[in-house]
Amino acid sequence: TGMDARTFLIIEIFGALALAAAIVASGVIADRIGRRTLIGASAA
C-alpha cells in the first residue's frame, strides 16, 4: 500500500490499546455467560 511503517505502527499501537480493553471486558462478559460461550460467540 505504500504506507510508511511509522504511521502503521501508530495505528497498531491504538489497536493494542483496544486489545487490552477488550481483554478486560472479556473477563466481565465471561463471568456472566461462560468462558466457552464467549469463545464460541467470538469465533462466529
All heavy atoms as atom14 arrays in JSON, in Angstrom:
{
  "sequence": "TGMDARTFLIIEIFGALALAAAIVASGVIADRIGRRTLIGASAA",
  "atom14_mask": [
    [1, 1, 1, 1, 1, 1, 1, 0, 0, 0, 0, 0, 0, 0],
    [1, 1, 1, 1, 0, 0, 0, 0, 0, 0, 0, 0, 0, 0],
    [1, 1, 1, 1, 1, 1, 1, 1, 0, 0, 0, 0, 0, 0],
    [1, 1, 1, 1, 1, 1, 1, 1, 0, 0, 0, 0, 0, 0],
    [1, 1, 1, 1, 1, 0, 0, 0, 0, 0, 0, 0, 0, 0],
    [1, 1, 1, 1, 1, 1, 1, 1, 1, 1, 1, 0, 0, 0],
    [1, 1, 1, 1, 1, 1, 1, 0, 0, 0, 0, 0, 0, 0],
    [1, 1, 1, 1, 1, 1, 1, 1, 1, 1, 1, 0, 0, 0],
    [1, 1, 1, 1, 1, 1, 1, 1, 0, 0, 0, 0, 0, 0],
    [1, 1, 1, 1, 1, 1, 1, 1, 0, 0, 0, 0, 0, 0],
    [1, 1, 1, 1, 1, 1, 1, 1, 0, 0, 0, 0, 0, 0],
    [1, 1, 1, 1, 1, 1, 1, 1, 1, 0, 0, 0, 0, 0],
    [1, 1, 1, 1, 1, 1, 1, 1, 0, 0, 0, 0, 0, 0],
    [1, 1, 1, 1, 1, 1, 1, 1, 1, 1, 1, 0, 0, 0],
    [1, 1, 1, 1, 0, 0, 0, 0, 0, 0, 0, 0, 0, 0],
    [1, 1, 1, 1, 1, 0, 0, 0, 0, 0, 0, 0, 0, 0],
    [1, 1, 1, 1, 1, 1, 1, 1, 0, 0, 0, 0, 0, 0],
    [1, 1, 1, 1, 1, 0, 0, 0, 0, 0, 0, 0, 0, 0],
    [1, 1, 1, 1, 1, 1, 1, 1, 0, 0, 0, 0, 0, 0],
    [1, 1, 1, 1, 1, 0, 0, 0, 0, 0, 0, 0, 0, 0],
    [1, 1, 1, 1, 1, 0, 0, 0, 0, 0, 0, 0, 0, 0],
    [1, 1, 1, 1, 1, 0, 0, 0, 0, 0, 0, 0, 0, 0],
    [1, 1, 1, 1, 1, 1, 1, 1, 0, 0, 0, 0, 0, 0],
    [1, 1, 1, 1, 1, 1, 1, 0, 0, 0, 0, 0, 0, 0],
    [1, 1, 1, 1, 1, 0, 0, 0, 0, 0, 0, 0, 0, 0],
    [1, 1, 1, 1, 1, 1, 0, 0, 0, 0, 0, 0, 0, 0],
    [1, 1, 1, 1, 0, 0, 0, 0, 0, 0, 0, 0, 0, 0],
    [1, 1, 1, 1, 1, 1, 1, 0, 0, 0, 0, 0, 0, 0],
    [1, 1, 1, 1, 1, 1, 1, 1, 0, 0, 0, 0, 0, 0],
    [1, 1, 1, 1, 1, 0, 0, 0, 0, 0, 0, 0, 0, 0],
    [1, 1, 1, 1, 1, 1, 1, 1, 0, 0, 0, 0, 0, 0],
    [1, 1, 1, 1, 1, 1, 1, 1, 1, 1, 1, 0, 0, 0],
    [1, 1, 1, 1, 1, 1, 1, 1, 0, 0, 0, 0, 0, 0],
    [1, 1, 1, 1, 0, 0, 0, 0, 0, 0, 0, 0, 0, 0],
    [1, 1, 1, 1, 1, 1, 1, 1, 1, 1, 1, 0, 0, 0],
    [1, 1, 1, 1, 1, 1, 1, 1, 1, 1, 1, 0, 0, 0],
    [1, 1, 1, 1, 1, 1, 1, 0, 0, 0, 0, 0, 0, 0],
    [1, 1, 1, 1, 1, 1, 1, 1, 0, 0, 0, 0, 0, 0],
    [1, 1, 1, 1, 1, 1, 1, 1, 0, 0, 0, 0, 0, 0],
    [1, 1, 1, 1, 0, 0, 0, 0, 0, 0, 0, 0, 0, 0],
    [1, 1, 1, 1, 1, 0, 0, 0, 0, 0, 0, 0, 0, 0],
    [1, 1, 1, 1, 1, 1, 0, 0, 0, 0, 0, 0, 0, 0],
    [1, 1, 1, 1, 1, 0, 0, 0, 0, 0, 0, 0, 0, 0],
    [1, 1, 1, 1, 1, 0, 0, 0, 0, 0, 0, 0, 0, 0]
  ],
  "atom14_positions": [
    [[0.81, -1.22, 0.0], [0.0, 0.0, 0.0], [0.84, 1.27, 0.0], [0.29, 2.36, -0.18], [-0.94, 0.04, 1.22], [-0.17, 0.26, 2.42], [-1.72, -1.25, 1.34], [0.0, 0.0, 0.0], [0.0, 0.0, 0.0], [0.0, 0.0, 0.0], [0.0, 0.0, 0.0], [0.0, 0.0, 0.0], [0.0, 0.0, 0.0], [0.0, 0.0, 0.0]],
    [[2.12, 1.13, 0.22], [2.98, 2.3, 0.24], [2.91, 3.09, 1.53], [3.54, 4.15, 1.65], [0.0, 0.0, 0.0], [0.0, 0.0, 0.0], [0.0, 0.0, 0.0], [0.0, 0.0, 0.0], [0.0, 0.0, 0.0], [0.0, 0.0, 0.0], [0.0, 0.0, 0.0], [0.0, 0.0, 0.0], [0.0, 0.0, 0.0], [0.0, 0.0, 0.0]],
    [[2.18, 2.6, 2.53], [2.1, 3.3, 3.81], [3.43, 3.18, 4.53], [4.07, 2.13, 4.53], [0.98, 2.72, 4.66], [0.73, 3.5, 5.95], [-0.57, 2.78, 6.99], [-1.99, 2.9, 5.9], [0.0, 0.0, 0.0], [0.0, 0.0, 0.0], [0.0, 0.0, 0.0], [0.0, 0.0, 0.0], [0.0, 0.0, 0.0], [0.0, 0.0, 0.0]],
    [[3.87, 4.27, 5.15], [5.14, 4.21, 5.89], [4.96, 3.47, 7.2], [3.86, 3.43, 7.78], [5.68, 5.62, 6.14], [4.77, 6.43, 7.03], [3.76, 6.98, 6.52], [5.05, 6.51, 8.23], [0.0, 0.0, 0.0], [0.0, 0.0, 0.0], [0.0, 0.0, 0.0], [0.0, 0.0, 0.0], [0.0, 0.0, 0.0], [0.0, 0.0, 0.0]],
    [[6.05, 2.85, 7.65], [5.99, 1.99, 8.84], [5.57, 2.76, 10.07], [4.83, 2.25, 10.92], [7.36, 1.35, 9.06], [0.0, 0.0, 0.0], [0.0, 0.0, 0.0], [0.0, 0.0, 0.0], [0.0, 0.0, 0.0], [0.0, 0.0, 0.0], [0.0, 0.0, 0.0], [0.0, 0.0, 0.0], [0.0, 0.0, 0.0], [0.0, 0.0, 0.0]],
    [[6.03, 4.01, 10.2], [5.7, 4.79, 11.39], [4.19, 4.95, 11.53], [3.64, 4.74, 12.61], [6.36, 6.17, 11.3], [5.91, 7.14, 12.38], [6.47, 8.54, 12.14], [5.9, 9.49, 13.08], [4.75, 10.12, 12.88], [4.04, 9.87, 11.79], [4.3, 10.98, 13.77], [0.0, 0.0, 0.0], [0.0, 0.0, 0.0], [0.0, 0.0, 0.0]],
    [[3.53, 5.32, 10.45], [2.08, 5.53, 10.5], [1.35, 4.25, 10.9], [0.46, 4.27, 11.76], [1.56, 6.02, 9.14], [2.2, 7.25, 8.81], [0.05, 6.21, 9.17], [0.0, 0.0, 0.0], [0.0, 0.0, 0.0], [0.0, 0.0, 0.0], [0.0, 0.0, 0.0], [0.0, 0.0, 0.0], [0.0, 0.0, 0.0], [0.0, 0.0, 0.0]],
    [[1.74, 3.14, 10.29], [1.02, 1.9, 10.58], [1.32, 1.4, 12.0], [0.44, 0.84, 12.65], [1.38, 0.82, 9.56], [0.31, -0.22, 9.43], [-0.83, 0.03, 8.68], [0.41, -1.44, 10.08], [-1.84, -0.92, 8.57], [-0.58, -2.39, 9.99], [-1.72, -2.13, 9.23], [0.0, 0.0, 0.0], [0.0, 0.0, 0.0], [0.0, 0.0, 0.0]],
    [[2.54, 1.59, 12.47], [2.85, 1.19, 13.84], [2.02, 1.99, 14.84], [1.56, 1.45, 15.85], [4.34, 1.38, 14.12], [5.27, 0.31, 13.54], [6.73, 0.73, 13.72], [5.04, -1.05, 14.2], [0.0, 0.0, 0.0], [0.0, 0.0, 0.0], [0.0, 0.0, 0.0], [0.0, 0.0, 0.0], [0.0, 0.0, 0.0], [0.0, 0.0, 0.0]],
    [[1.83, 3.26, 14.57], [1.0, 4.08, 15.47], [-0.44, 3.59, 15.46], [-1.1, 3.5, 16.51], [1.08, 5.57, 15.06], [2.48, 6.11, 15.36], [0.03, 6.39, 15.8], [2.72, 7.52, 14.88], [0.0, 0.0, 0.0], [0.0, 0.0, 0.0], [0.0, 0.0, 0.0], [0.0, 0.0, 0.0], [0.0, 0.0, 0.0], [0.0, 0.0, 0.0]],
    [[-0.95, 3.24, 14.27], [-2.31, 2.68, 14.2], [-2.38, 1.39, 15.01], [-3.36, 1.15, 15.75], [-2.69, 2.42, 12.73], [-2.82, 3.72, 11.96], [-4.02, 1.64, 12.66], [-3.02, 3.54, 10.47], [0.0, 0.0, 0.0], [0.0, 0.0, 0.0], [0.0, 0.0, 0.0], [0.0, 0.0, 0.0], [0.0, 0.0, 0.0], [0.0, 0.0, 0.0]],
    [[-1.36, 0.55, 14.9], [-1.36, -0.7, 15.65], [-1.23, -0.48, 17.16], [-1.73, -1.27, 17.95], [-0.24, -1.6, 15.14], [-0.49, -2.17, 13.76], [0.36, -3.37, 13.46], [1.6, -3.29, 13.68], [-0.17, -4.4, 13.0], [0.0, 0.0, 0.0], [0.0, 0.0, 0.0], [0.0, 0.0, 0.0], [0.0, 0.0, 0.0], [0.0, 0.0, 0.0]],
    [[-0.55, 0.58, 17.55], [-0.47, 0.9, 18.98], [-1.87, 1.21, 19.53], [-2.25, 0.75, 20.62], [0.5, 2.09, 19.21], [1.95, 1.61, 19.01], [0.31, 2.69, 20.6], [2.97, 2.73, 19.05], [0.0, 0.0, 0.0], [0.0, 0.0, 0.0], [0.0, 0.0, 0.0], [0.0, 0.0, 0.0], [0.0, 0.0, 0.0], [0.0, 0.0, 0.0]],
    [[-2.65, 1.97, 18.77], [-4.05, 2.21, 19.19], [-4.83, 0.9, 19.18], [-5.7, 0.68, 20.03], [-4.7, 3.24, 18.27], [-4.32, 4.67, 18.58], [-3.39, 5.33, 17.81], [-4.88, 5.32, 19.67], [-3.03, 6.64, 18.1], [-4.53, 6.64, 19.97], [-3.6, 7.3, 19.18], [0.0, 0.0, 0.0], [0.0, 0.0, 0.0], [0.0, 0.0, 0.0]],
    [[-4.52, 0.02, 18.22], [-5.15, -1.28, 18.21], [-4.81, -2.09, 19.46], [-5.68, -2.78, 20.01], [0.0, 0.0, 0.0], [0.0, 0.0, 0.0], [0.0, 0.0, 0.0], [0.0, 0.0, 0.0], [0.0, 0.0, 0.0], [0.0, 0.0, 0.0], [0.0, 0.0, 0.0], [0.0, 0.0, 0.0], [0.0, 0.0, 0.0], [0.0, 0.0, 0.0]],
    [[-3.57, -1.99, 19.92], [-3.16, -2.71, 21.12], [-3.9, -2.19, 22.35], [-4.22, -2.96, 23.28], [-1.65, -2.6, 21.32], [0.0, 0.0, 0.0], [0.0, 0.0, 0.0], [0.0, 0.0, 0.0], [0.0, 0.0, 0.0], [0.0, 0.0, 0.0], [0.0, 0.0, 0.0], [0.0, 0.0, 0.0], [0.0, 0.0, 0.0], [0.0, 0.0, 0.0]],
    [[-4.18, -0.89, 22.38], [-4.98, -0.35, 23.48], [-6.39, -0.9, 23.45], [-6.97, -1.23, 24.49], [-5.01, 1.18, 23.4], [-3.66, 1.9, 23.61], [-3.81, 3.4, 23.36], [-3.13, 1.65, 25.03], [0.0, 0.0, 0.0], [0.0, 0.0, 0.0], [0.0, 0.0, 0.0], [0.0, 0.0, 0.0], [0.0, 0.0, 0.0], [0.0, 0.0, 0.0]],
    [[-6.95, -1.03, 22.23], [-8.27, -1.65, 22.1], [-8.22, -3.12, 22.52], [-9.16, -3.64, 23.12], [-8.76, -1.53, 20.65], [0.0, 0.0, 0.0], [0.0, 0.0, 0.0], [0.0, 0.0, 0.0], [0.0, 0.0, 0.0], [0.0, 0.0, 0.0], [0.0, 0.0, 0.0], [0.0, 0.0, 0.0], [0.0, 0.0, 0.0], [0.0, 0.0, 0.0]],
    [[-7.12, -3.78, 22.2], [-6.94, -5.18, 22.61], [-6.95, -5.31, 24.12], [-7.63, -6.19, 24.67], [-5.62, -5.71, 22.04], [-5.14, -7.08, 22.52], [-6.13, -8.17, 22.15], [-3.75, -7.39, 21.93], [0.0, 0.0, 0.0], [0.0, 0.0, 0.0], [0.0, 0.0, 0.0], [0.0, 0.0, 0.0], [0.0, 0.0, 0.0], [0.0, 0.0, 0.0]],
    [[-6.22, -4.45, 24.81], [-6.19, -4.5, 26.28], [-7.57, -4.28, 26.87], [-8.0, -4.99, 27.79], [-5.2, -3.47, 26.82], [0.0, 0.0, 0.0], [0.0, 0.0, 0.0], [0.0, 0.0, 0.0], [0.0, 0.0, 0.0], [0.0, 0.0, 0.0], [0.0, 0.0, 0.0], [0.0, 0.0, 0.0], [0.0, 0.0, 0.0], [0.0, 0.0, 0.0]],
    [[-8.3, -3.29, 26.34], [-9.64, -3.01, 26.84], [-10.58, -4.19, 26.59], [-11.39, -4.54, 27.46], [-10.2, -1.74, 26.17], [0.0, 0.0, 0.0], [0.0, 0.0, 0.0], [0.0, 0.0, 0.0], [0.0, 0.0, 0.0], [0.0, 0.0, 0.0], [0.0, 0.0, 0.0], [0.0, 0.0, 0.0], [0.0, 0.0, 0.0], [0.0, 0.0, 0.0]],
    [[-10.47, -4.81, 25.43], [-11.33, -5.95, 25.11], [-11.01, -7.16, 25.97], [-11.9, -7.93, 26.34], [-11.2, -6.3, 23.63], [0.0, 0.0, 0.0], [0.0, 0.0, 0.0], [0.0, 0.0, 0.0], [0.0, 0.0, 0.0], [0.0, 0.0, 0.0], [0.0, 0.0, 0.0], [0.0, 0.0, 0.0], [0.0, 0.0, 0.0], [0.0, 0.0, 0.0]],
    [[-9.74, -7.35, 26.29], [-9.36, -8.45, 27.17], [-10.0, -8.27, 28.55], [-10.54, -9.21, 29.13], [-7.83, -8.56, 27.28], [-7.24, -9.09, 25.96], [-7.42, -9.47, 28.44], [-5.72, -9.1, 25.93], [0.0, 0.0, 0.0], [0.0, 0.0, 0.0], [0.0, 0.0, 0.0], [0.0, 0.0, 0.0], [0.0, 0.0, 0.0], [0.0, 0.0, 0.0]],
    [[-9.92, -7.06, 29.07], [-10.55, -6.78, 30.37], [-12.06, -7.02, 30.28], [-12.66, -7.63, 31.16], [-10.25, -5.33, 30.8], [-11.04, -4.99, 32.06], [-8.75, -5.16, 31.06], [0.0, 0.0, 0.0], [0.0, 0.0, 0.0], [0.0, 0.0, 0.0], [0.0, 0.0, 0.0], [0.0, 0.0, 0.0], [0.0, 0.0, 0.0], [0.0, 0.0, 0.0]],
    [[-12.67, -6.55, 29.18], [-14.12, -6.75, 29.01], [-14.46, -8.23, 28.93], [-15.52, -8.64, 29.42], [-14.58, -6.02, 27.74], [0.0, 0.0, 0.0], [0.0, 0.0, 0.0], [0.0, 0.0, 0.0], [0.0, 0.0, 0.0], [0.0, 0.0, 0.0], [0.0, 0.0, 0.0], [0.0, 0.0, 0.0], [0.0, 0.0, 0.0], [0.0, 0.0, 0.0]],
    [[-13.58, -9.02, 28.34], [-13.86, -10.46, 28.24], [-14.0, -11.11, 29.6], [-14.77, -12.06, 29.77], [-12.74, -11.15, 27.44], [-11.57, -11.35, 28.22], [0.0, 0.0, 0.0], [0.0, 0.0, 0.0], [0.0, 0.0, 0.0], [0.0, 0.0, 0.0], [0.0, 0.0, 0.0], [0.0, 0.0, 0.0], [0.0, 0.0, 0.0], [0.0, 0.0, 0.0]],
    [[-13.24, -10.61, 30.57], [-13.35, -11.17, 31.92], [-14.72, -10.93, 32.52], [-15.29, -11.82, 33.17], [0.0, 0.0, 0.0], [0.0, 0.0, 0.0], [0.0, 0.0, 0.0], [0.0, 0.0, 0.0], [0.0, 0.0, 0.0], [0.0, 0.0, 0.0], [0.0, 0.0, 0.0], [0.0, 0.0, 0.0], [0.0, 0.0, 0.0], [0.0, 0.0, 0.0]],
    [[-15.26, -9.73, 32.31], [-16.59, -9.41, 32.83], [-17.66, -10.21, 32.11], [-18.56, -10.8, 32.73], [-16.86, -7.89, 32.67], [-18.27, -7.55, 33.16], [-15.82, -7.09, 33.45], [0.0, 0.0, 0.0], [0.0, 0.0, 0.0], [0.0, 0.0, 0.0], [0.0, 0.0, 0.0], [0.0, 0.0, 0.0], [0.0, 0.0, 0.0], [0.0, 0.0, 0.0]],
    [[-17.55, -10.26, 30.78], [-18.57, -10.97, 29.99], [-18.55, -12.46, 30.27], [-19.6, -13.12, 30.42], [-18.36, -10.7, 28.49], [-18.51, -9.2, 28.2], [-19.34, -11.51, 27.65], [-18.11, -8.81, 26.8], [0.0, 0.0, 0.0], [0.0, 0.0, 0.0], [0.0, 0.0, 0.0], [0.0, 0.0, 0.0], [0.0, 0.0, 0.0], [0.0, 0.0, 0.0]],
    [[-17.35, -13.03, 30.35], [-17.22, -14.48, 30.56], [-17.82, -14.92, 31.88], [-18.4, -16.01, 31.98], [-15.75, -14.89, 30.49], [0.0, 0.0, 0.0], [0.0, 0.0, 0.0], [0.0, 0.0, 0.0], [0.0, 0.0, 0.0], [0.0, 0.0, 0.0], [0.0, 0.0, 0.0], [0.0, 0.0, 0.0], [0.0, 0.0, 0.0], [0.0, 0.0, 0.0]],
    [[-17.71, -14.08, 32.9], [-18.29, -14.45, 34.19], [-19.81, -14.38, 34.19], [-20.45, -14.88, 35.11], [-17.72, -13.53, 35.29], [-16.3, -13.89, 35.67], [-15.94, -15.08, 35.52], [-15.54, -13.0, 36.09], [0.0, 0.0, 0.0], [0.0, 0.0, 0.0], [0.0, 0.0, 0.0], [0.0, 0.0, 0.0], [0.0, 0.0, 0.0], [0.0, 0.0, 0.0]],
    [[-20.37, -13.79, 33.16], [-21.83, -13.71, 33.05], [-22.39, -14.8, 32.14], [-23.45, -15.36, 32.42], [-22.25, -12.33, 32.53], [-21.88, -11.21, 33.49], [-22.61, -9.94, 33.15], [-22.33, -8.89, 34.12], [-23.0, -7.75, 34.21], [-24.01, -7.53, 33.38], [-22.68, -6.85, 35.11], [0.0, 0.0, 0.0], [0.0, 0.0, 0.0], [0.0, 0.0, 0.0]],
    [[-21.7, -15.07, 31.04], [-22.26, -16.03, 30.07], [-21.44, -17.31, 29.96], [-21.87, -18.26, 29.31], [-22.39, -15.39, 28.68], [-21.0, -15.09, 28.07], [-23.21, -14.11, 28.75], [-21.07, -14.6, 26.63], [0.0, 0.0, 0.0], [0.0, 0.0, 0.0], [0.0, 0.0, 0.0], [0.0, 0.0, 0.0], [0.0, 0.0, 0.0], [0.0, 0.0, 0.0]],
    [[-20.27, -17.35, 30.57], [-19.41, -18.53, 30.5], [-18.26, -18.33, 29.52], [-18.42, -17.7, 28.47], [0.0, 0.0, 0.0], [0.0, 0.0, 0.0], [0.0, 0.0, 0.0], [0.0, 0.0, 0.0], [0.0, 0.0, 0.0], [0.0, 0.0, 0.0], [0.0, 0.0, 0.0], [0.0, 0.0, 0.0], [0.0, 0.0, 0.0], [0.0, 0.0, 0.0]],
    [[-17.08, -18.88, 29.85], [-15.89, -18.68, 29.03], [-16.05, -19.33, 27.66], [-15.75, -18.72, 26.63], [-14.66, -19.28, 29.73], [-14.29, -18.6, 31.04], [-13.05, -19.24, 31.63], [-11.9, -19.01, 30.75], [-10.77, -19.69, 30.85], [-10.65, -20.67, 31.74], [-9.76, -19.42, 30.04], [0.0, 0.0, 0.0], [0.0, 0.0, 0.0], [0.0, 0.0, 0.0]],
    [[-16.54, -20.55, 27.63], [-16.63, -21.25, 26.35], [-17.7, -20.65, 25.45], [-17.54, -20.61, 24.22], [-16.9, -22.74, 26.59], [-15.77, -23.39, 27.38], [-16.03, -24.85, 27.69], [-15.04, -25.37, 28.63], [-15.0, -26.6, 29.08], [-15.91, -27.47, 28.67], [-14.07, -26.99, 29.93], [0.0, 0.0, 0.0], [0.0, 0.0, 0.0], [0.0, 0.0, 0.0]],
    [[-18.77, -20.15, 26.04], [-19.79, -19.47, 25.26], [-19.23, -18.22, 24.6], [-19.48, -17.94, 23.42], [-21.0, -19.1, 26.13], [-21.55, -20.29, 26.71], [-22.06, -18.38, 25.33], [0.0, 0.0, 0.0], [0.0, 0.0, 0.0], [0.0, 0.0, 0.0], [0.0, 0.0, 0.0], [0.0, 0.0, 0.0], [0.0, 0.0, 0.0], [0.0, 0.0, 0.0]],
    [[-18.43, -17.47, 25.36], [-17.83, -16.25, 24.81], [-16.85, -16.59, 23.7], [-16.82, -15.9, 22.66], [-17.12, -15.47, 25.92], [-16.36, -14.22, 25.47], [-17.29, -13.24, 24.78], [-15.65, -13.56, 26.66], [0.0, 0.0, 0.0], [0.0, 0.0, 0.0], [0.0, 0.0, 0.0], [0.0, 0.0, 0.0], [0.0, 0.0, 0.0], [0.0, 0.0, 0.0]],
    [[-16.05, -17.64, 23.89], [-15.09, -18.02, 22.84], [-15.82, -18.42, 21.56], [-15.44, -18.04, 20.45], [-14.19, -19.16, 23.34], [-13.28, -18.66, 24.46], [-13.35, -19.72, 22.2], [-12.47, -19.76, 25.12], [0.0, 0.0, 0.0], [0.0, 0.0, 0.0], [0.0, 0.0, 0.0], [0.0, 0.0, 0.0], [0.0, 0.0, 0.0], [0.0, 0.0, 0.0]],
    [[-16.91, -19.2, 21.71], [-17.69, -19.61, 20.55], [-18.34, -18.44, 19.84], [-18.31, -18.34, 18.6], [0.0, 0.0, 0.0], [0.0, 0.0, 0.0], [0.0, 0.0, 0.0], [0.0, 0.0, 0.0], [0.0, 0.0, 0.0], [0.0, 0.0, 0.0], [0.0, 0.0, 0.0], [0.0, 0.0, 0.0], [0.0, 0.0, 0.0], [0.0, 0.0, 0.0]],
    [[-18.91, -17.51, 20.61], [-19.54, -16.34, 20.01], [-18.51, -15.45, 19.32], [-18.77, -14.9, 18.24], [-20.28, -15.55, 21.1], [0.0, 0.0, 0.0], [0.0, 0.0, 0.0], [0.0, 0.0, 0.0], [0.0, 0.0, 0.0], [0.0, 0.0, 0.0], [0.0, 0.0, 0.0], [0.0, 0.0, 0.0], [0.0, 0.0, 0.0], [0.0, 0.0, 0.0]],
    [[-17.33, -15.32, 19.93], [-16.27, -14.51, 19.32], [-15.76, -15.15, 18.04], [-15.46, -14.46, 17.06], [-15.11, -14.33, 20.31], [-15.54, -13.67, 21.48], [0.0, 0.0, 0.0], [0.0, 0.0, 0.0], [0.0, 0.0, 0.0], [0.0, 0.0, 0.0], [0.0, 0.0, 0.0], [0.0, 0.0, 0.0], [0.0, 0.0, 0.0], [0.0, 0.0, 0.0]],
    [[-15.68, -16.49, 18.02], [-15.26, -17.19, 16.8], [-16.25, -16.93, 15.67], [-15.87, -16.72, 14.51], [-15.12, -18.68, 17.06], [0.0, 0.0, 0.0], [0.0, 0.0, 0.0], [0.0, 0.0, 0.0], [0.0, 0.0, 0.0], [0.0, 0.0, 0.0], [0.0, 0.0, 0.0], [0.0, 0.0, 0.0], [0.0, 0.0, 0.0], [0.0, 0.0, 0.0]],
    [[-17.54, -16.94, 16.01], [-18.56, -16.64, 15.0], [-18.42, -15.21, 14.5], [-18.56, -14.94, 13.29], [-19.96, -16.87, 15.59], [0.0, 0.0, 0.0], [0.0, 0.0, 0.0], [0.0, 0.0, 0.0], [0.0, 0.0, 0.0], [0.0, 0.0, 0.0], [0.0, 0.0, 0.0], [0.0, 0.0, 0.0], [0.0, 0.0, 0.0], [0.0, 0.0, 0.0]]
  ]
}
